[in-house]
Amino acid sequence: MDKHNISRDIIAEAIKSEFGFNRKLCLDIVNDIIEIIIEGLQLDQKVKIHNFGTFKLNNKRSRIGRNPKTKEEYNISSRNVITFKASKILLKNINQIND
């Protein structure tokens, strides 16, 4: 397993190993969870998963940017960004692993 990236397939395989469901069902479960998070962000701009964290949709306004090499200015258009704030329990668990 690549220790830097966890794919949908890896998550589905973990579900399969834990519960014994077939691979397609596990992948469908993973895809459904991701779709629920996306829909929640689109509808409410916020998705909170208890004891995990909160995904939040924020709008960044347009602004003037500058190419650091040429110093040329250009307009950066407004866009939506997603932020994630981990729950205290998740942070505590992660910090225990690193200690």
PDB file of N, CA and C in Angstrom:
ATOM      1  N   MET A   1       0.845  -1.189   0.000  1.00  0.00           N
ATOM      2  CA  MET A   1       0.000   0.000   0.000  1.00  0.00           C
ATOM      3  C   MET A   1       0.885   1.246   0.000  1.00  0.00           C
ATOM      4  N   ASP A   2       0.557   2.184  -0.857  1.00  0.00           N
ATOM      5  CA  ASP A   2       1.259   3.471  -0.905  1.00  0.00           C
ATOM      6  C   ASP A   2       0.919   4.223   0.369  1.00  0.00           C
ATOM      7  N   LYS A   3       1.927   4.588   1.145  1.00  0.00           N
ATOM      8  CA  LYS A   3       1.641   5.200   2.438  1.00  0.00           C
ATOM      9  C   LYS A   3       1.234   6.659   2.340  1.00  0.00           C
ATOM     10  N   HIS A   4       1.244   7.229   1.151  1.00  0.00           N
ATOM     11  CA  HIS A   4       0.866   8.628   0.996  1.00  0.00           C
ATOM     12  C   HIS A   4      -0.532   8.805   0.407  1.00  0.00           C
ATOM     13  N   ASN A   5      -1.006   7.846  -0.345  1.00  0.00           N
ATOM     14  CA  ASN A   5      -2.319   7.951  -0.983  1.00  0.00           C
ATOM     15  C   ASN A   5      -3.148   6.717  -0.669  1.00  0.00           C
ATOM     16  N   ILE A   6      -4.391   6.954  -0.328  1.00  0.00           N
ATOM     17  CA  ILE A   6      -5.322   5.854  -0.103  1.00  0.00           C
ATOM     18  C   ILE A   6      -6.429   6.010  -1.123  1.00  0.00           C
ATOM     19  N   SER A   7      -6.529   5.061  -2.032  1.00  0.00           N
ATOM     20  CA  SER A   7      -7.517   5.129  -3.101  1.00  0.00           C
ATOM     21  C   SER A   7      -8.848   4.530  -2.645  1.00  0.00           C
ATOM     22  N   ARG A   8      -9.849   4.751  -3.451  1.00  0.00           N
ATOM     23  CA  ARG A   8     -11.162   4.152  -3.183  1.00  0.00           C
ATOM     24  C   ARG A   8     -11.044   2.632  -3.158  1.00  0.00           C
ATOM     25  N   ASP A   9     -10.203   2.089  -4.047  1.00  0.00           N
ATOM     26  CA  ASP A   9     -10.013   0.638  -4.100  1.00  0.00           C
ATOM     27  C   ASP A   9      -9.413   0.098  -2.802  1.00  0.00           C
ATOM     28  N   ILE A  10      -8.474   0.833  -2.224  1.00  0.00           N
ATOM     29  CA  ILE A  10      -7.848   0.390  -0.976  1.00  0.00           C
ATOM     30  C   ILE A  10      -8.874   0.403   0.162  1.00  0.00           C
ATOM     31  N   ILE A  11      -9.704   1.436   0.203  1.00  0.00           N
ATOM     32  CA  ILE A  11     -10.748   1.508   1.238  1.00  0.00           C
ATOM     33  C   ILE A  11     -11.744   0.366   1.041  1.00  0.00           C
ATOM     34  N   ALA A  12     -12.147   0.127  -0.208  1.00  0.00           N
ATOM     35  CA  ALA A  12     -13.087  -0.960  -0.501  1.00  0.00           C
ATOM     36  C   ALA A  12     -12.488  -2.307  -0.103  1.00  0.00           C
ATOM     37  N   GLU A  13     -11.210  -2.489  -0.357  1.00  0.00           N
ATOM     38  CA  GLU A  13     -10.541  -3.747  -0.001  1.00  0.00           C
ATOM     39  C   GLU A  13     -10.515  -3.935   1.520  1.00  0.00           C
ATOM     40  N   ALA A  14     -10.320  -2.847   2.257  1.00  0.00           N
ATOM     41  CA  ALA A  14     -10.332  -2.929   3.726  1.00  0.00           C
ATOM     42  C   ALA A  14     -11.719  -3.323   4.232  1.00  0.00           C
ATOM     43  N   ILE A  15     -12.764  -2.766   3.620  1.00  0.00           N
ATOM     44  CA  ILE A  15     -14.137  -3.131   3.999  1.00  0.00           C
ATOM     45  C   ILE A  15     -14.384  -4.601   3.686  1.00  0.00           C
ATOM     46  N   LYS A  16     -13.918  -5.028   2.522  1.00  0.00           N
ATOM     47  CA  LYS A  16     -14.080  -6.426   2.114  1.00  0.00           C
ATOM     48  C   LYS A  16     -13.395  -7.361   3.101  1.00  0.00           C
ATOM     49  N   SER A  17     -12.174  -7.023   3.504  1.00  0.00           N
ATOM     50  CA  SER A  17     -11.434  -7.859   4.453  1.00  0.00           C
ATOM     51  C   SER A  17     -12.123  -7.911   5.813  1.00  0.00           C
ATOM     52  N   GLU A  18     -12.659  -6.777   6.238  1.00  0.00           N
ATOM     53  CA  GLU A  18     -13.278  -6.697   7.562  1.00  0.00           C
ATOM     54  C   GLU A  18     -14.633  -7.399   7.616  1.00  0.00           C
ATOM     55  N   PHE A  19     -15.462  -7.220   6.569  1.00  0.00           N
ATOM     56  CA  PHE A  19     -16.838  -7.702   6.631  1.00  0.00           C
ATOM     57  C   PHE A  19     -17.149  -8.852   5.675  1.00  0.00           C
ATOM     58  N   GLY A  20     -16.262  -9.135   4.728  1.00  0.00           N
ATOM     59  CA  GLY A  20     -16.466 -10.264   3.827  1.00  0.00           C
ATOM     60  C   GLY A  20     -17.447 -10.021   2.690  1.00  0.00           C
ATOM     61  N   PHE A  21     -17.818  -8.761   2.453  1.00  0.00           N
ATOM     62  CA  PHE A  21     -18.700  -8.456   1.324  1.00  0.00           C
ATOM     63  C   PHE A  21     -17.920  -8.618   0.017  1.00  0.00           C
ATOM     64  N   ASN A  22     -18.657  -8.725  -1.092  1.00  0.00           N
ATOM     65  CA  ASN A  22     -17.943  -8.820  -2.361  1.00  0.00           C
ATOM     66  C   ASN A  22     -17.357  -7.460  -2.733  1.00  0.00           C
ATOM     67  N   ARG A  23     -16.361  -7.494  -3.608  1.00  0.00           N
ATOM     68  CA  ARG A  23     -15.586  -6.304  -3.950  1.00  0.00           C
ATOM     69  C   ARG A  23     -16.451  -5.195  -4.550  1.00  0.00           C
ATOM     70  N   LYS A  24     -17.379  -5.554  -5.436  1.00  0.00           N
ATOM     71  CA  LYS A  24     -18.217  -4.543  -6.082  1.00  0.00           C
ATOM     72  C   LYS A  24     -19.095  -3.824  -5.064  1.00  0.00           C
ATOM     73  N   LEU A  25     -19.683  -4.562  -4.130  1.00  0.00           N
ATOM     74  CA  LEU A  25     -20.512  -3.948  -3.094  1.00  0.00           C
ATOM     75  C   LEU A  25     -19.680  -2.981  -2.245  1.00  0.00           C
ATOM     76  N   CYS A  26     -18.468  -3.378  -1.898  1.00  0.00           N
ATOM     77  CA  CYS A  26     -17.596  -2.522  -1.086  1.00  0.00           C
ATOM     78  C   CYS A  26     -17.235  -1.240  -1.836  1.00  0.00           C
ATOM     79  N   LEU A  27     -16.942  -1.355  -3.106  1.00  0.00           N
ATOM     80  CA  LEU A  27     -16.620  -0.175  -3.905  1.00  0.00           C
ATOM     81  C   LEU A  27     -17.854   0.722  -4.041  1.00  0.00           C
ATOM     82  N   ASP A  28     -19.034   0.129  -4.192  1.00  0.00           N
ATOM     83  CA  ASP A  28     -20.278   0.906  -4.237  1.00  0.00           C
ATOM     84  C   ASP A  28     -20.501   1.667  -2.929  1.00  0.00           C
ATOM     85  N   ILE A  29     -20.206   1.032  -1.804  1.00  0.00           N
ATOM     86  CA  ILE A  29     -20.353   1.682  -0.502  1.00  0.00           C
ATOM     87  C   ILE A  29     -19.433   2.899  -0.415  1.00  0.00           C
ATOM     88  N   VAL A  30     -18.180   2.728  -0.787  1.00  0.00           N
ATOM     89  CA  VAL A  30     -17.206   3.827  -0.748  1.00  0.00           C
ATOM     90  C   VAL A  30     -17.665   4.966  -1.654  1.00  0.00           C
ATOM     91  N   ASN A  31     -18.062   4.639  -2.878  1.00  0.00           N
ATOM     92  CA  ASN A  31     -18.523   5.669  -3.819  1.00  0.00           C
ATOM     93  C   ASN A  31     -19.771   6.380  -3.313  1.00  0.00           C
ATOM     94  N   ASP A  32     -20.688   5.639  -2.677  1.00  0.00           N
ATOM     95  CA  ASP A  32     -21.904   6.251  -2.123  1.00  0.00           C
ATOM     96  C   ASP A  32     -21.568   7.224  -0.990  1.00  0.00           C
ATOM     97  N   ILE A  33     -20.626   6.853  -0.136  1.00  0.00           N
ATOM     98  CA  ILE A  33     -20.233   7.744   0.962  1.00  0.00           C
ATOM     99  C   ILE A  33     -19.639   9.034   0.409  1.00  0.00           C
ATOM    100  N   ILE A  34     -18.780   8.913  -0.569  1.00  0.00           N
ATOM    101  CA  ILE A  34     -18.163  10.103  -1.175  1.00  0.00           C
ATOM    102  C   ILE A  34     -19.234  10.965  -1.839  1.00  0.00           C
ATOM    103  N   GLU A  35     -20.175  10.341  -2.515  1.00  0.00           N
ATOM    104  CA  GLU A  35     -21.259  11.084  -3.164  1.00  0.00           C
ATOM    105  C   GLU A  35     -22.138  11.810  -2.141  1.00  0.00           C
ATOM    106  N   ILE A  36     -22.388  11.179  -1.009  1.00  0.00           N
ATOM    107  CA  ILE A  36     -23.180  11.811   0.059  1.00  0.00           C
ATOM    108  C   ILE A  36     -22.452  13.046   0.582  1.00  0.00           C
ATOM    109  N   ILE A  37     -21.145  12.960   0.756  1.00  0.00           N
ATOM    110  CA  ILE A  37     -20.367  14.111   1.217  1.00  0.00           C
ATOM    111  C   ILE A  37     -20.438  15.240   0.193  1.00  0.00           C
ATOM    112  N   ILE A  38     -20.286  14.914  -1.085  1.00  0.00           N
ATOM    113  CA  ILE A  38     -20.348  15.929  -2.144  1.00  0.00           C
ATOM    114  C   ILE A  38     -21.720  16.593  -2.167  1.00  0.00           C
ATOM    115  N   GLU A  39     -22.786  15.799  -2.114  1.00  0.00           N
ATOM    116  CA  GLU A  39     -24.140  16.360  -2.121  1.00  0.00           C
ATOM    117  C   GLU A  39     -24.390  17.233  -0.893  1.00  0.00           C
ATOM    118  N   GLY A  40     -23.886  16.807   0.262  1.00  0.00           N
ATOM    119  CA  GLY A  40     -24.038  17.606   1.476  1.00  0.00           C
ATOM    120  C   GLY A  40     -23.346  18.954   1.356  1.00  0.00           C
ATOM    121  N   LEU A  41     -22.169  18.972   0.757  1.00  0.00           N
ATOM    122  CA  LEU A  41     -21.458  20.228   0.547  1.00  0.00           C
ATOM    123  C   LEU A  41     -22.222  21.129  -0.413  1.00  0.00           C
ATOM    124  N   GLN A  42     -22.791  20.545  -1.460  1.00  0.00           N
ATOM    125  CA  GLN A  42     -23.542  21.333  -2.437  1.00  0.00           C
ATOM    126  C   GLN A  42     -24.816  21.917  -1.821  1.00  0.00           C
ATOM    127  N   LEU A  43     -25.469  21.154  -0.962  1.00  0.00           N
ATOM    128  CA  LEU A  43     -26.735  21.606  -0.369  1.00  0.00           C
ATOM    129  C   LEU A  43     -26.528  22.522   0.831  1.00  0.00           C
ATOM    130  N   ASP A  44     -25.683  22.129   1.753  1.00  0.00           N
ATOM    131  CA  ASP A  44     -25.562  22.826   3.032  1.00  0.00           C
ATOM    132  C   ASP A  44     -24.227  23.538   3.225  1.00  0.00           C
ATOM    133  N   GLN A  45     -23.290  23.334   2.331  1.00  0.00           N
ATOM    134  CA  GLN A  45     -21.945  23.902   2.399  1.00  0.00           C
ATOM    135  C   GLN A  45     -21.161  23.421   3.610  1.00  0.00           C
ATOM    136  N   LYS A  46     -21.655  22.380   4.279  1.00  0.00           N
ATOM    137  CA  LYS A  46     -20.957  21.860   5.456  1.00  0.00           C
ATOM    138  C   LYS A  46     -21.381  20.416   5.687  1.00  0.00           C
ATOM    139  N   VAL A  47     -20.411  19.544   5.959  1.00  0.00           N
ATOM    140  CA  VAL A  47     -20.709  18.155   6.293  1.00  0.00           C
ATOM    141  C   VAL A  47     -19.878  17.793   7.514  1.00  0.00           C
ATOM    142  N   LYS A  48     -20.573  17.447   8.597  1.00  0.00           N
ATOM    143  CA  LYS A  48     -19.884  17.071   9.827  1.00  0.00           C
ATOM    144  C   LYS A  48     -20.044  15.577  10.040  1.00  0.00           C
ATOM    145  N   ILE A  49     -18.916  14.895  10.220  1.00  0.00           N
ATOM    146  CA  ILE A  49     -18.912  13.463  10.507  1.00  0.00           C
ATOM    147  C   ILE A  49     -18.432  13.314  11.954  1.00  0.00           C
ATOM    148  N   HIS A  50     -19.316  12.871  12.816  1.00  0.00           N
ATOM    149  CA  HIS A  50     -19.044  12.779  14.253  1.00  0.00           C
ATOM    150  C   HIS A  50     -17.759  11.993  14.518  1.00  0.00           C
ATOM    151  N   ASN A  51     -16.928  12.512  15.377  1.00  0.00           N
ATOM    152  CA  ASN A  51     -15.639  11.926  15.777  1.00  0.00           C
ATOM    153  C   ASN A  51     -14.639  11.807  14.628  1.00  0.00           C
ATOM    154  N   PHE A  52     -14.892  12.467  13.522  1.00  0.00           N
ATOM    155  CA  PHE A  52     -13.949  12.476  12.400  1.00  0.00           C
ATOM    156  C   PHE A  52     -13.561  13.903  12.053  1.00  0.00           C
ATOM    157  N   GLY A  53     -14.535  14.719  11.644  1.00  0.00           N
ATOM    158  CA  GLY A  53     -14.244  16.101  11.326  1.00  0.00           C
ATOM    159  C   GLY A  53     -15.331  16.735  10.489  1.00  0.00           C
ATOM    160  N   THR A  54     -15.048  17.963  10.045  1.00  0.00           N
ATOM    161  CA  THR A  54     -16.026  18.743   9.291  1.00  0.00           C
ATOM    162  C   THR A  54     -15.426  19.212   7.971  1.00  0.00           C
ATOM    163  N   PHE A  55     -16.140  18.916   6.887  1.00  0.00           N
ATOM    164  CA  PHE A  55     -15.822  19.445   5.572  1.00  0.00           C
ATOM    165  C   PHE A  55     -16.650  20.705   5.388  1.00  0.00           C
ATOM    166  N   LYS A  56     -16.045  21.765   4.889  1.00  0.00           N
ATOM    167  CA  LYS A  56     -16.770  23.008   4.714  1.00  0.00           C
ATOM    168  C   LYS A  56     -16.439  23.596   3.348  1.00  0.00           C
ATOM    169  N   LEU A  57     -17.480  24.079   2.658  1.00  0.00           N
ATOM    170  CA  LEU A  57     -17.322  24.713   1.356  1.00  0.00           C
ATOM    171  C   LEU A  57     -17.214  26.215   1.558  1.00  0.00           C
ATOM    172  N   ASN A  58     -16.120  26.800   1.099  1.00  0.00           N
ATOM    173  CA  ASN A  58     -15.900  28.241   1.219  1.00  0.00           C
ATOM    174  C   ASN A  58     -15.711  28.837  -0.169  1.00  0.00           C
ATOM    175  N   ASN A  59     -16.188  30.065  -0.342  1.00  0.00           N
ATOM    176  CA  ASN A  59     -16.007  30.752  -1.619  1.00  0.00           C
ATOM    177  C   ASN A  59     -14.854  31.738  -1.495  1.00  0.00           C
ATOM    178  N   LYS A  60     -13.897  31.594  -2.386  1.00  0.00           N
ATOM    179  CA  LYS A  60     -12.803  32.566  -2.443  1.00  0.00           C
ATOM    180  C   LYS A  60     -13.152  33.587  -3.506  1.00  0.00           C
ATOM    181  N   ARG A  61     -13.085  34.851  -3.145  1.00  0.00           N
ATOM    182  CA  ARG A  61     -13.406  35.917  -4.091  1.00  0.00           C
ATOM    183  C   ARG A  61     -12.300  36.051  -5.123  1.00  0.00           C
ATOM    184  N   SER A  62     -12.638  36.672  -6.237  1.00  0.00           N
ATOM    185  CA  SER A  62     -11.620  36.905  -7.257  1.00  0.00           C
ATOM    186  C   SER A  62     -10.612  37.919  -6.727  1.00  0.00           C
ATOM    187  N   ARG A  63      -9.391  37.820  -7.228  1.00  0.00           N
ATOM    188  CA  ARG A  63      -8.339  38.719  -6.759  1.00  0.00           C
ATOM    189  C   ARG A  63      -7.270  38.846  -7.831  1.00  0.00           C
ATOM    190  N   ILE A  64      -6.403  39.784  -7.634  1.00  0.00           N
ATOM    191  CA  ILE A  64      -5.285  39.986  -8.550  1.00  0.00           C
ATOM    192  C   ILE A  64      -4.116  39.131  -8.061  1.00  0.00           C
ATOM    193  N   GLY A  65      -3.560  38.333  -8.959  1.00  0.00           N
ATOM    194  CA  GLY A  65      -2.385  37.528  -8.650  1.00  0.00           C
ATOM    195  C   GLY A  65      -1.193  38.050  -9.431  1.00  0.00           C
ATOM    196  N   ARG A  66      -0.030  37.551  -9.079  1.00  0.00           N
ATOM    197  CA  ARG A  66       1.183  38.014  -9.757  1.00  0.00           C
ATOM    198  C   ARG A  66       2.096  36.822  -9.993  1.00  0.00           C
ATOM    199  N   ASN A  67       2.592  36.724 -11.223  1.00  0.00           N
ATOM    200  CA  ASN A  67       3.581  35.711 -11.555  1.00  0.00           C
ATOM    201  C   ASN A  67       4.891  36.119 -10.876  1.00  0.00           C
ATOM    202  N   PRO A  68       5.438  35.288  -9.972  1.00  0.00           N
ATOM    203  CA  PRO A  68       6.636  35.695  -9.240  1.00  0.00           C
ATOM    204  C   PRO A  68       7.874  35.875 -10.128  1.00  0.00           C
ATOM    205  N   LYS A  69       7.921  35.183 -11.268  1.00  0.00           N
ATOM    206  CA  LYS A  69       9.084  35.323 -12.157  1.00  0.00           C
ATOM    207  C   LYS A  69       9.017  36.594 -12.985  1.00  0.00           C
ATOM    208  N   THR A  70       7.858  36.810 -13.614  1.00  0.00           N
ATOM    209  CA  THR A  70       7.741  37.935 -14.552  1.00  0.00           C
ATOM    210  C   THR A  70       7.124  39.172 -13.909  1.00  0.00           C
ATOM    211  N   LYS A  71       6.585  39.028 -12.721  1.00  0.00           N
ATOM    212  CA  LYS A  71       5.879  40.113 -12.010  1.00  0.00           C
ATOM    213  C   LYS A  71       4.618  40.565 -12.745  1.00  0.00           C
ATOM    214  N   GLU A  72       4.204  39.795 -13.747  1.00  0.00           N
ATOM    215  CA  GLU A  72       2.997  40.127 -14.516  1.00  0.00           C
ATOM    216  C   GLU A  72       1.760  39.837 -13.661  1.00  0.00           C
ATOM    217  N   GLU A  73       0.827  40.786 -13.618  1.00  0.00           N
ATOM    218  CA  GLU A  73      -0.402  40.621 -12.853  1.00  0.00           C
ATOM    219  C   GLU A  73      -1.485  39.979 -13.717  1.00  0.00           C
ATOM    220  N   TYR A  74      -2.343  39.199 -13.075  1.00  0.00           N
ATOM    221  CA  TYR A  74      -3.473  38.596 -13.776  1.00  0.00           C
ATOM    222  C   TYR A  74      -4.593  38.384 -12.770  1.00  0.00           C
ATOM    223  N   ASN A  75      -5.806  38.210 -13.283  1.00  0.00           N
ATOM    224  CA  ASN A  75      -6.972  38.034 -12.435  1.00  0.00           C
ATOM    225  C   ASN A  75      -7.142  36.555 -12.085  1.00  0.00           C
ATOM    226  N   ILE A  76      -7.274  36.262 -10.805  1.00  0.00           N
ATOM    227  CA  ILE A  76      -7.600  34.914 -10.341  1.00  0.00           C
ATOM    228  C   ILE A  76      -9.096  34.923 -10.066  1.00  0.00           C
ATOM    229  N   SER A  77      -9.837  34.107 -10.796  1.00  0.00           N
ATOM    230  CA  SER A  77     -11.297  34.129 -10.690  1.00  0.00           C
ATOM    231  C   SER A  77     -11.765  33.565  -9.350  1.00  0.00           C
ATOM    232  N   SER A  78     -12.989  33.911  -8.974  1.00  0.00           N
ATOM    233  CA  SER A  78     -13.564  33.382  -7.732  1.00  0.00           C
ATOM    234  C   SER A  78     -13.800  31.883  -7.921  1.00  0.00           C
ATOM    235  N   ARG A  79     -13.738  31.166  -6.808  1.00  0.00           N
ATOM    236  CA  ARG A  79     -13.916  29.723  -6.886  1.00  0.00           C
ATOM    237  C   ARG A  79     -14.285  29.187  -5.512  1.00  0.00           C
ATOM    238  N   ASN A  80     -14.832  27.994  -5.501  1.00  0.00           N
ATOM    239  CA  ASN A  80     -15.141  27.308  -4.251  1.00  0.00           C
ATOM    240  C   ASN A  80     -13.962  26.438  -3.847  1.00  0.00           C
ATOM    241  N   VAL A  81     -13.676  26.400  -2.553  1.00  0.00           N
ATOM    242  CA  VAL A  81     -12.642  25.523  -2.013  1.00  0.00           C
ATOM    243  C   VAL A  81     -13.251  24.734  -0.856  1.00  0.00           C
ATOM    244  N   ILE A  82     -12.706  23.565  -0.605  1.00  0.00           N
ATOM    245  CA  ILE A  82     -13.176  22.736   0.497  1.00  0.00           C
ATOM    246  C   ILE A  82     -12.094  22.717   1.570  1.00  0.00           C
ATOM    247  N   THR A  83     -12.511  22.990   2.796  1.00  0.00           N
ATOM    248  CA  THR A  83     -11.588  22.892   3.917  1.00  0.00           C
ATOM    249  C   THR A  83     -12.039  21.735   4.800  1.00  0.00           C
ATOM    250  N   PHE A  84     -11.114  21.193   5.554  1.00  0.00           N
ATOM    251  CA  PHE A  84     -11.422  20.103   6.479  1.00  0.00           C
ATOM    252  C   PHE A  84     -10.819  20.431   7.826  1.00  0.00           C
ATOM    253  N   LYS A  85     -11.638  20.337   8.863  1.00  0.00           N
ATOM    254  CA  LYS A  85     -11.155  20.519  10.223  1.00  0.00           C
ATOM    255  C   LYS A  85     -11.383  19.211  10.966  1.00  0.00           C
ATOM    256  N   ALA A  86     -10.296  18.619  11.411  1.00  0.00           N
ATOM    257  CA  ALA A  86     -10.377  17.340  12.118  1.00  0.00           C
ATOM    258  C   ALA A  86     -11.006  17.528  13.492  1.00  0.00           C
ATOM    259  N   SER A  87     -11.727  16.510  13.946  1.00  0.00           N
ATOM    260  CA  SER A  87     -12.313  16.547  15.285  1.00  0.00           C
ATOM    261  C   SER A  87     -11.209  16.381  16.326  1.00  0.00           C
ATOM    262  N   LYS A  88     -11.516  16.767  17.552  1.00  0.00           N
ATOM    263  CA  LYS A  88     -10.542  16.630  18.639  1.00  0.00           C
ATOM    264  C   LYS A  88     -10.174  15.165  18.852  1.00  0.00           C
ATOM    265  N   ILE A  89     -11.143  14.274  18.708  1.00  0.00           N
ATOM    266  CA  ILE A  89     -10.887  12.842  18.905  1.00  0.00           C
ATOM    267  C   ILE A  89      -9.943  12.320  17.820  1.00  0.00           C
ATOM    268  N   LEU A  90     -10.167  12.715  16.570  1.00  0.00           N
ATOM    269  CA  LEU A  90      -9.276  12.295  15.485  1.00  0.00           C
ATOM    270  C   LEU A  90      -7.867  12.820  15.723  1.00  0.00           C
ATOM    271  N   LEU A  91      -7.746  14.083  16.091  1.00  0.00           N
ATOM    272  CA  LEU A  91      -6.425  14.656  16.356  1.00  0.00           C
ATOM    273  C   LEU A  91      -5.731  13.947  17.507  1.00  0.00           C
ATOM    274  N   LYS A  92      -6.499  13.608  18.542  1.00  0.00           N
ATOM    275  CA  LYS A  92      -5.928  12.898  19.678  1.00  0.00           C
ATOM    276  C   LYS A  92      -5.410  11.523  19.252  1.00  0.00           C
ATOM    277  N   ASN A  93      -6.192  10.816  18.447  1.00  0.00           N
ATOM    278  CA  ASN A  93      -5.761   9.496  17.972  1.00  0.00           C
ATOM    279  C   ASN A  93      -4.523   9.585  17.093  1.00  0.00           C
ATOM    280  N   ILE A  94      -4.472  10.565  16.217  1.00  0.00           N
ATOM    281  CA  ILE A  94      -3.313  10.728  15.342  1.00  0.00           C
ATOM    282  C   ILE A  94      -2.074  11.082  16.150  1.00  0.00           C
ATOM    283  N   ASN A  95      -2.217  11.947  17.135  1.00  0.00           N
ATOM    284  CA  ASN A  95      -1.070  12.332  17.950  1.00  0.00           C
ATOM    285  C   ASN A  95      -0.577  11.193  18.835  1.00  0.00           C
ATOM    286  N   GLN A  96      -1.447  10.293  19.237  1.00  0.00           N
ATOM    287  CA  GLN A  96      -1.022   9.119  20.004  1.00  0.00           C
ATOM    288  C   GLN A  96      -0.199   8.178  19.140  1.00  0.00           C
ATOM    289  N   ILE A  97      -0.556   8.075  17.858  1.00  0.00           N
ATOM    290  CA  ILE A  97       0.175   7.214  16.932  1.00  0.00           C
ATOM    291  C   ILE A  97       1.596   7.725  16.744  1.00  0.00           C
ATOM    292  N   ASN A  98       1.738   9.037  16.668  1.00  0.00           N
ATOM    293  CA  ASN A  98       3.058   9.645  16.406  1.00  0.00           C
ATOM    294  C   ASN A  98       3.934   9.721  17.648  1.00  0.00           C
ATOM    295  N   ASP A  99       3.394   9.493  18.815  1.00  0.00           N
ATOM    296  CA  ASP A  99       4.196   9.585  20.052  1.00  0.00           C
ATOM    297  C   ASP A  99       4.998   8.336  20.298  1.00  0.00           C
TER     298      ASP A  99
END
